[in-house]
């Protein structure tokens, strides 16, 4: 379960160091925004929600746990899902 590679959406709650955790995950290729093909508008995800173009949900959760451990952050809850299709406003 959670080993299929594809577009992954991950959302989490942590107790502190939000900027540092997000920045480190972005260094690993996670994104906080996207554009629909051919559109000029950029859509930003909620603050502690990111996505990756080529990841498994299991690896995304491991990445998050690793980054939280690096900064001694408490990971309160998280969900990582394969997001093959989504829409946003």
PDB file of N, CA and C in Angstrom:
ATOM      1  N   UNK A   1       0.831  -1.179   0.000  1.00  0.00           N
ATOM      2  CA  UNK A   1       0.000   0.000   0.000  1.00  0.00           C
ATOM      3  C   UNK A   1       0.877   1.244   0.000  1.00  0.00           C
ATOM      4  N   UNK A   2       0.544   2.195  -0.852  1.00  0.00           N
ATOM      5  CA  UNK A   2       1.258   3.456  -0.856  1.00  0.00           C
ATOM      6  C   UNK A   2       2.566   3.464  -1.606  1.00  0.00           C
ATOM      7  N   UNK A   3       2.785   2.476  -2.492  1.00  0.00           N
ATOM      8  CA  UNK A   3       4.056   2.406  -3.199  1.00  0.00           C
ATOM      9  C   UNK A   3       3.966   2.807  -4.669  1.00  0.00           C
ATOM     10  N   UNK A   4       2.770   3.139  -5.153  1.00  0.00           N
ATOM     11  CA  UNK A   4       2.594   3.545  -6.536  1.00  0.00           C
ATOM     12  C   UNK A   4       3.177   4.941  -6.731  1.00  0.00           C
ATOM     13  N   UNK A   5       4.014   5.082  -7.746  1.00  0.00           N
ATOM     14  CA  UNK A   5       4.636   6.369  -8.037  1.00  0.00           C
ATOM     15  C   UNK A   5       3.688   7.202  -8.888  1.00  0.00           C
ATOM     16  N   UNK A   6       3.524   8.460  -8.538  1.00  0.00           N
ATOM     17  CA  UNK A   6       2.656   9.361  -9.293  1.00  0.00           C
ATOM     18  C   UNK A   6       2.567  10.704  -8.604  1.00  0.00           C
ATOM     19  N   UNK A   7       1.508  11.436  -8.908  1.00  0.00           N
ATOM     20  CA  UNK A   7       1.261  12.712  -8.246  1.00  0.00           C
ATOM     21  C   UNK A   7       0.753  12.431  -6.834  1.00  0.00           C
ATOM     22  N   UNK A   8       1.468  12.941  -5.855  1.00  0.00           N
ATOM     23  CA  UNK A   8       1.133  12.720  -4.452  1.00  0.00           C
ATOM     24  C   UNK A   8       0.810  14.046  -3.791  1.00  0.00           C
ATOM     25  N   UNK A   9      -0.265  14.060  -3.030  1.00  0.00           N
ATOM     26  CA  UNK A   9      -0.657  15.212  -2.236  1.00  0.00           C
ATOM     27  C   UNK A   9      -0.436  14.842  -0.779  1.00  0.00           C
ATOM     28  N   UNK A  10       0.270  15.713  -0.040  1.00  0.00           N
ATOM     29  CA  UNK A  10       0.523  15.452   1.375  1.00  0.00           C
ATOM     30  C   UNK A  10       0.113  16.674   2.184  1.00  0.00           C
ATOM     31  N   UNK A  11      -0.591  16.429   3.283  1.00  0.00           N
ATOM     32  CA  UNK A  11      -1.036  17.494   4.168  1.00  0.00           C
ATOM     33  C   UNK A  11      -0.690  17.087   5.595  1.00  0.00           C
ATOM     34  N   UNK A  12      -0.286  18.048   6.403  1.00  0.00           N
ATOM     35  CA  UNK A  12       0.236  17.704   7.729  1.00  0.00           C
ATOM     36  C   UNK A  12       0.011  18.841   8.720  1.00  0.00           C
ATOM     37  N   UNK A  13       0.055  18.488   9.990  1.00  0.00           N
ATOM     38  CA  UNK A  13       0.056  19.453  11.097  1.00  0.00           C
ATOM     39  C   UNK A  13       1.297  19.177  11.933  1.00  0.00           C
ATOM     40  N   UNK A  14       2.023  20.245  12.252  1.00  0.00           N
ATOM     41  CA  UNK A  14       3.215  20.146  13.090  1.00  0.00           C
ATOM     42  C   UNK A  14       3.122  21.202  14.177  1.00  0.00           C
ATOM     43  N   UNK A  15       3.950  21.058  15.206  1.00  0.00           N
ATOM     44  CA  UNK A  15       3.828  21.963  16.348  1.00  0.00           C
ATOM     45  C   UNK A  15       4.632  23.253  16.216  1.00  0.00           C
ATOM     46  N   UNK A  16       5.630  23.294  15.292  1.00  0.00           N
ATOM     47  CA  UNK A  16       6.437  24.505  15.141  1.00  0.00           C
ATOM     48  C   UNK A  16       7.315  24.377  13.891  1.00  0.00           C
ATOM     49  N   UNK A  17       8.096  25.400  13.631  1.00  0.00           N
ATOM     50  CA  UNK A  17       9.068  25.416  12.528  1.00  0.00           C
ATOM     51  C   UNK A  17       8.438  25.146  11.167  1.00  0.00           C
ATOM     52  N   UNK A  18       7.253  25.704  10.964  1.00  0.00           N
ATOM     53  CA  UNK A  18       6.515  25.480   9.715  1.00  0.00           C
ATOM     54  C   UNK A  18       7.317  25.895   8.480  1.00  0.00           C
ATOM     55  N   UNK A  19       7.926  27.051   8.532  1.00  0.00           N
ATOM     56  CA  UNK A  19       8.667  27.561   7.371  1.00  0.00           C
ATOM     57  C   UNK A  19       9.856  26.669   7.043  1.00  0.00           C
ATOM     58  N   UNK A  20      10.593  26.248   8.042  1.00  0.00           N
ATOM     59  CA  UNK A  20      11.772  25.422   7.827  1.00  0.00           C
ATOM     60  C   UNK A  20      11.407  24.059   7.241  1.00  0.00           C
ATOM     61  N   UNK A  21      10.354  23.451   7.780  1.00  0.00           N
ATOM     62  CA  UNK A  21       9.920  22.142   7.293  1.00  0.00           C
ATOM     63  C   UNK A  21       9.460  22.256   5.846  1.00  0.00           C
ATOM     64  N   UNK A  22       8.650  23.251   5.566  1.00  0.00           N
ATOM     65  CA  UNK A  22       8.157  23.430   4.196  1.00  0.00           C
ATOM     66  C   UNK A  22       9.316  23.685   3.232  1.00  0.00           C
ATOM     67  N   UNK A  23      10.239  24.523   3.616  1.00  0.00           N
ATOM     68  CA  UNK A  23      11.390  24.840   2.760  1.00  0.00           C
ATOM     69  C   UNK A  23      12.211  23.586   2.455  1.00  0.00           C
ATOM     70  N   UNK A  24      12.442  22.745   3.474  1.00  0.00           N
ATOM     71  CA  UNK A  24      13.225  21.530   3.272  1.00  0.00           C
ATOM     72  C   UNK A  24      12.488  20.553   2.352  1.00  0.00           C
ATOM     73  N   UNK A  25      11.187  20.441   2.504  1.00  0.00           N
ATOM     74  CA  UNK A  25      10.416  19.577   1.615  1.00  0.00           C
ATOM     75  C   UNK A  25      10.431  20.117   0.181  1.00  0.00           C
ATOM     76  N   UNK A  26      10.387  21.427   0.031  1.00  0.00           N
ATOM     77  CA  UNK A  26      10.474  22.019  -1.314  1.00  0.00           C
ATOM     78  C   UNK A  26      11.832  21.715  -1.944  1.00  0.00           C
ATOM     79  N   UNK A  27      12.884  21.673  -1.150  1.00  0.00           N
ATOM     80  CA  UNK A  27      14.203  21.295  -1.661  1.00  0.00           C
ATOM     81  C   UNK A  27      14.201  19.859  -2.183  1.00  0.00           C
ATOM     82  N   UNK A  28      13.290  19.035  -1.660  1.00  0.00           N
ATOM     83  CA  UNK A  28      13.174  17.647  -2.100  1.00  0.00           C
ATOM     84  C   UNK A  28      12.221  17.505  -3.289  1.00  0.00           C
ATOM     85  N   UNK A  29      11.748  18.628  -3.820  1.00  0.00           N
ATOM     86  CA  UNK A  29      10.902  18.589  -5.012  1.00  0.00           C
ATOM     87  C   UNK A  29       9.413  18.749  -4.775  1.00  0.00           C
ATOM     88  N   UNK A  30       9.003  18.953  -3.525  1.00  0.00           N
ATOM     89  CA  UNK A  30       7.586  19.166  -3.240  1.00  0.00           C
ATOM     90  C   UNK A  30       7.214  20.599  -3.610  1.00  0.00           C
ATOM     91  N   UNK A  31       5.979  20.773  -4.032  1.00  0.00           N
ATOM     92  CA  UNK A  31       5.505  22.082  -4.496  1.00  0.00           C
ATOM     93  C   UNK A  31       4.288  22.522  -3.695  1.00  0.00           C
ATOM     94  N   UNK A  32       4.147  23.836  -3.539  1.00  0.00           N
ATOM     95  CA  UNK A  32       2.975  24.381  -2.846  1.00  0.00           C
ATOM     96  C   UNK A  32       2.015  25.064  -3.810  1.00  0.00           C
ATOM     97  N   UNK A  33       2.245  24.903  -5.108  1.00  0.00           N
ATOM     98  CA  UNK A  33       1.432  25.575  -6.118  1.00  0.00           C
ATOM     99  C   UNK A  33       1.415  24.758  -7.413  1.00  0.00           C
ATOM    100  N   UNK A  34       0.495  25.112  -8.290  1.00  0.00           N
ATOM    101  CA  UNK A  34       0.425  24.487  -9.606  1.00  0.00           C
ATOM    102  C   UNK A  34      -0.336  25.405 -10.550  1.00  0.00           C
ATOM    103  N   UNK A  35      -0.249  25.112 -11.831  1.00  0.00           N
ATOM    104  CA  UNK A  35      -1.021  25.796 -12.863  1.00  0.00           C
ATOM    105  C   UNK A  35      -1.700  24.736 -13.707  1.00  0.00           C
ATOM    106  N   UNK A  36      -2.920  25.033 -14.122  1.00  0.00           N
ATOM    107  CA  UNK A  36      -3.560  24.143 -15.081  1.00  0.00           C
ATOM    108  C   UNK A  36      -2.898  24.367 -16.426  1.00  0.00           C
ATOM    109  N   UNK A  37      -2.788  23.303 -17.214  1.00  0.00           N
ATOM    110  CA  UNK A  37      -2.128  23.392 -18.507  1.00  0.00           C
ATOM    111  C   UNK A  37      -2.775  24.476 -19.363  1.00  0.00           C
ATOM    112  N   UNK A  38      -1.950  25.381 -19.849  1.00  0.00           N
ATOM    113  CA  UNK A  38      -2.413  26.461 -20.709  1.00  0.00           C
ATOM    114  C   UNK A  38      -2.984  27.663 -19.965  1.00  0.00           C
ATOM    115  N   UNK A  39      -3.066  27.599 -18.646  1.00  0.00           N
ATOM    116  CA  UNK A  39      -3.626  28.706 -17.859  1.00  0.00           C
ATOM    117  C   UNK A  39      -2.509  29.582 -17.316  1.00  0.00           C
ATOM    118  N   UNK A  40      -2.817  30.834 -17.060  1.00  0.00           N
ATOM    119  CA  UNK A  40      -1.809  31.744 -16.518  1.00  0.00           C
ATOM    120  C   UNK A  40      -1.894  31.882 -14.994  1.00  0.00           C
ATOM    121  N   UNK A  41      -3.034  31.554 -14.405  1.00  0.00           N
ATOM    122  CA  UNK A  41      -3.209  31.689 -12.963  1.00  0.00           C
ATOM    123  C   UNK A  41      -2.456  30.596 -12.214  1.00  0.00           C
ATOM    124  N   UNK A  42      -1.784  30.975 -11.132  1.00  0.00           N
ATOM    125  CA  UNK A  42      -1.114  30.022 -10.249  1.00  0.00           C
ATOM    126  C   UNK A  42      -2.019  29.753  -9.059  1.00  0.00           C
ATOM    127  N   UNK A  43      -2.216  28.487  -8.736  1.00  0.00           N
ATOM    128  CA  UNK A  43      -3.032  28.083  -7.597  1.00  0.00           C
ATOM    129  C   UNK A  43      -2.110  27.640  -6.470  1.00  0.00           C
ATOM    130  N   UNK A  44      -2.331  28.204  -5.281  1.00  0.00           N
ATOM    131  CA  UNK A  44      -1.534  27.843  -4.109  1.00  0.00           C
ATOM    132  C   UNK A  44      -2.352  26.947  -3.195  1.00  0.00           C
ATOM    133  N   UNK A  45      -1.707  25.903  -2.709  1.00  0.00           N
ATOM    134  CA  UNK A  45      -2.354  24.970  -1.792  1.00  0.00           C
ATOM    135  C   UNK A  45      -2.393  25.555  -0.383  1.00  0.00           C
ATOM    136  N   UNK A  46      -3.223  25.014   0.504  1.00  0.00           N
ATOM    137  CA  UNK A  46      -3.221  25.460   1.895  1.00  0.00           C
ATOM    138  C   UNK A  46      -1.815  25.349   2.496  1.00  0.00           C
ATOM    139  N   UNK A  47      -1.561  26.108   3.530  1.00  0.00           N
ATOM    140  CA  UNK A  47      -0.223  26.313   4.094  1.00  0.00           C
ATOM    141  C   UNK A  47       0.601  25.048   4.312  1.00  0.00           C
ATOM    142  N   UNK A  48       0.040  24.019   4.884  1.00  0.00           N
ATOM    143  CA  UNK A  48       0.814  22.798   5.162  1.00  0.00           C
ATOM    144  C   UNK A  48       0.360  21.652   4.262  1.00  0.00           C
ATOM    145  N   UNK A  49       0.130  21.969   3.010  1.00  0.00           N
ATOM    146  CA  UNK A  49      -0.213  20.972   2.000  1.00  0.00           C
ATOM    147  C   UNK A  49       0.730  21.158   0.832  1.00  0.00           C
ATOM    148  N   UNK A  50       1.324  20.064   0.388  1.00  0.00           N
ATOM    149  CA  UNK A  50       2.265  20.090  -0.726  1.00  0.00           C
ATOM    150  C   UNK A  50       1.943  18.956  -1.682  1.00  0.00           C
ATOM    151  N   UNK A  51       2.550  18.986  -2.848  1.00  0.00           N
ATOM    152  CA  UNK A  51       2.394  17.880  -3.780  1.00  0.00           C
ATOM    153  C   UNK A  51       3.711  17.618  -4.481  1.00  0.00           C
ATOM    154  N   UNK A  52       3.826  16.438  -5.044  1.00  0.00           N
ATOM    155  CA  UNK A  52       5.040  16.033  -5.753  1.00  0.00           C
ATOM    156  C   UNK A  52       4.607  15.303  -7.021  1.00  0.00           C
ATOM    157  N   UNK A  53       5.363  15.487  -8.086  1.00  0.00           N
ATOM    158  CA  UNK A  53       4.979  14.894  -9.367  1.00  0.00           C
ATOM    159  C   UNK A  53       5.351  13.427  -9.502  1.00  0.00           C
ATOM    160  N   UNK A  54       6.377  12.974  -8.805  1.00  0.00           N
ATOM    161  CA  UNK A  54       6.843  11.585  -8.946  1.00  0.00           C
ATOM    162  C   UNK A  54       7.249  11.037  -7.591  1.00  0.00           C
ATOM    163  N   UNK A  55       6.271  10.570  -6.847  1.00  0.00           N
ATOM    164  CA  UNK A  55       6.530  10.116  -5.488  1.00  0.00           C
ATOM    165  C   UNK A  55       5.478   9.075  -5.134  1.00  0.00           C
ATOM    166  N   UNK A  56       5.784   8.226  -4.183  1.00  0.00           N
ATOM    167  CA  UNK A  56       4.765   7.333  -3.615  1.00  0.00           C
ATOM    168  C   UNK A  56       4.272   7.966  -2.318  1.00  0.00           C
ATOM    169  N   UNK A  57       3.068   7.607  -1.916  1.00  0.00           N
ATOM    170  CA  UNK A  57       2.548   8.165  -0.661  1.00  0.00           C
ATOM    171  C   UNK A  57       3.393   7.707   0.521  1.00  0.00           C
ATOM    172  N   UNK A  58       3.887   6.481   0.477  1.00  0.00           N
ATOM    173  CA  UNK A  58       4.752   5.989   1.556  1.00  0.00           C
ATOM    174  C   UNK A  58       6.040   6.800   1.649  1.00  0.00           C
ATOM    175  N   UNK A  59       6.670   7.066   0.510  1.00  0.00           N
ATOM    176  CA  UNK A  59       7.914   7.839   0.515  1.00  0.00           C
ATOM    177  C   UNK A  59       7.657   9.282   0.950  1.00  0.00           C
ATOM    178  N   UNK A  60       6.529   9.863   0.539  1.00  0.00           N
ATOM    179  CA  UNK A  60       6.198  11.229   0.951  1.00  0.00           C
ATOM    180  C   UNK A  60       6.087  11.319   2.465  1.00  0.00           C
ATOM    181  N   UNK A  61       5.429  10.344   3.066  1.00  0.00           N
ATOM    182  CA  UNK A  61       5.298  10.342   4.525  1.00  0.00           C
ATOM    183  C   UNK A  61       6.654  10.146   5.193  1.00  0.00           C
ATOM    184  N   UNK A  62       7.494   9.301   4.628  1.00  0.00           N
ATOM    185  CA  UNK A  62       8.851   9.111   5.171  1.00  0.00           C
ATOM    186  C   UNK A  62       9.670  10.396   5.051  1.00  0.00           C
ATOM    187  N   UNK A  63       9.543  11.092   3.925  1.00  0.00           N
ATOM    188  CA  UNK A  63      10.245  12.369   3.756  1.00  0.00           C
ATOM    189  C   UNK A  63       9.811  13.357   4.833  1.00  0.00           C
ATOM    190  N   UNK A  64       8.508  13.453   5.049  1.00  0.00           N
ATOM    191  CA  UNK A  64       7.983  14.373   6.057  1.00  0.00           C
ATOM    192  C   UNK A  64       8.485  14.001   7.448  1.00  0.00           C
ATOM    193  N   UNK A  65       8.432  12.729   7.812  1.00  0.00           N
ATOM    194  CA  UNK A  65       8.909  12.301   9.130  1.00  0.00           C
ATOM    195  C   UNK A  65      10.392  12.600   9.305  1.00  0.00           C
ATOM    196  N   UNK A  66      11.162  12.377   8.262  1.00  0.00           N
ATOM    197  CA  UNK A  66      12.600  12.638   8.310  1.00  0.00           C
ATOM    198  C   UNK A  66      12.894  14.119   8.520  1.00  0.00           C
ATOM    199  N   UNK A  67      12.199  14.969   7.797  1.00  0.00           N
ATOM    200  CA  UNK A  67      12.405  16.418   7.933  1.00  0.00           C
ATOM    201  C   UNK A  67      11.976  16.883   9.324  1.00  0.00           C
ATOM    202  N   UNK A  68      10.865  16.373   9.813  1.00  0.00           N
ATOM    203  CA  UNK A  68      10.409  16.749  11.163  1.00  0.00           C
ATOM    204  C   UNK A  68      11.435  16.327  12.209  1.00  0.00           C
ATOM    205  N   UNK A  69      11.996  15.147  12.053  1.00  0.00           N
ATOM    206  CA  UNK A  69      13.017  14.675  12.991  1.00  0.00           C
ATOM    207  C   UNK A  69      14.249  15.578  12.926  1.00  0.00           C
ATOM    208  N   UNK A  70      14.629  16.002  11.727  1.00  0.00           N
ATOM    209  CA  UNK A  70      15.794  16.861  11.534  1.00  0.00           C
ATOM    210  C   UNK A  70      15.669  18.167  12.335  1.00  0.00           C
ATOM    211  N   UNK A  71      14.445  18.698  12.408  1.00  0.00           N
ATOM    212  CA  UNK A  71      14.208  19.960  13.118  1.00  0.00           C
ATOM    213  C   UNK A  71      13.611  19.759  14.508  1.00  0.00           C
ATOM    214  N   UNK A  72      13.556  18.528  14.999  1.00  0.00           N
ATOM    215  CA  UNK A  72      12.959  18.208  16.296  1.00  0.00           C
ATOM    216  C   UNK A  72      11.538  18.749  16.413  1.00  0.00           C
ATOM    217  N   UNK A  73      10.778  18.524  15.362  1.00  0.00           N
ATOM    218  CA  UNK A  73       9.392  18.982  15.272  1.00  0.00           C
ATOM    219  C   UNK A  73       8.467  17.800  15.550  1.00  0.00           C
ATOM    220  N   UNK A  74       7.379  18.056  16.267  1.00  0.00           N
ATOM    221  CA  UNK A  74       6.379  17.021  16.510  1.00  0.00           C
ATOM    222  C   UNK A  74       5.421  16.998  15.326  1.00  0.00           C
ATOM    223  N   UNK A  75       5.362  15.853  14.653  1.00  0.00           N
ATOM    224  CA  UNK A  75       4.406  15.644  13.569  1.00  0.00           C
ATOM    225  C   UNK A  75       3.111  15.164  14.211  1.00  0.00           C
ATOM    226  N   UNK A  76       2.122  16.056  14.265  1.00  0.00           N
ATOM    227  CA  UNK A  76       0.882  15.744  14.970  1.00  0.00           C
ATOM    228  C   UNK A  76      -0.032  14.843  14.150  1.00  0.00           C
ATOM    229  N   UNK A  77      -0.136  15.110  12.850  1.00  0.00           N
ATOM    230  CA  UNK A  77      -0.926  14.262  11.960  1.00  0.00           C
ATOM    231  C   UNK A  77      -0.559  14.577  10.528  1.00  0.00           C
ATOM    232  N   UNK A  78      -0.787  13.599   9.661  1.00  0.00           N
ATOM    233  CA  UNK A  78      -0.461  13.784   8.247  1.00  0.00           C
ATOM    234  C   UNK A  78      -1.239  12.775   7.410  1.00  0.00           C
ATOM    235  N   UNK A  79      -1.448  13.136   6.165  1.00  0.00           N
ATOM    236  CA  UNK A  79      -2.046  12.227   5.207  1.00  0.00           C
ATOM    237  C   UNK A  79      -1.334  12.431   3.879  1.00  0.00           C
ATOM    238  N   UNK A  80      -1.029  11.342   3.202  1.00  0.00           N
ATOM    239  CA  UNK A  80      -0.409  11.387   1.881  1.00  0.00           C
ATOM    240  C   UNK A  80      -1.240  10.492   0.966  1.00  0.00           C
ATOM    241  N   UNK A  81      -1.677  11.040  -0.150  1.00  0.00           N
ATOM    242  CA  UNK A  81      -2.552  10.290  -1.055  1.00  0.00           C
ATOM    243  C   UNK A  81      -2.101  10.455  -2.488  1.00  0.00           C
ATOM    244  N   UNK A  82      -2.354   9.445  -3.285  1.00  0.00           N
ATOM    245  CA  UNK A  82      -2.120   9.535  -4.717  1.00  0.00           C
ATOM    246  C   UNK A  82      -3.222  10.433  -5.279  1.00  0.00           C
ATOM    247  N   UNK A  83      -2.827  11.455  -5.996  1.00  0.00           N
ATOM    248  CA  UNK A  83      -3.776  12.448  -6.505  1.00  0.00           C
ATOM    249  C   UNK A  83      -3.685  12.502  -8.022  1.00  0.00           C
ATOM    250  N   UNK A  84      -4.250  11.514  -8.677  1.00  0.00           N
ATOM    251  CA  UNK A  84      -4.147  11.455 -10.135  1.00  0.00           C
ATOM    252  C   UNK A  84      -5.017  12.498 -10.820  1.00  0.00           C
ATOM    253  N   UNK A  85      -6.007  13.011 -10.112  1.00  0.00           N
ATOM    254  CA  UNK A  85      -6.846  14.059 -10.675  1.00  0.00           C
ATOM    255  C   UNK A  85      -7.356  14.935  -9.541  1.00  0.00           C
ATOM    256  N   UNK A  86      -7.199  16.253  -9.695  1.00  0.00           N
ATOM    257  CA  UNK A  86      -7.764  17.153  -8.695  1.00  0.00           C
ATOM    258  C   UNK A  86      -8.054  18.496  -9.336  1.00  0.00           C
ATOM    259  N   UNK A  87      -8.845  19.296  -8.666  1.00  0.00           N
ATOM    260  CA  UNK A  87      -9.220  20.623  -9.126  1.00  0.00           C
ATOM    261  C   UNK A  87      -9.146  21.557  -7.939  1.00  0.00           C
ATOM    262  N   UNK A  88      -8.915  22.831  -8.181  1.00  0.00           N
ATOM    263  CA  UNK A  88      -8.778  23.774  -7.080  1.00  0.00           C
ATOM    264  C   UNK A  88      -9.386  25.123  -7.446  1.00  0.00           C
ATOM    265  N   UNK A  89      -9.591  25.946  -6.426  1.00  0.00           N
ATOM    266  CA  UNK A  89     -10.039  27.327  -6.632  1.00  0.00           C
ATOM    267  C   UNK A  89      -9.102  28.256  -5.888  1.00  0.00           C
TER     268      UNK A  89
END
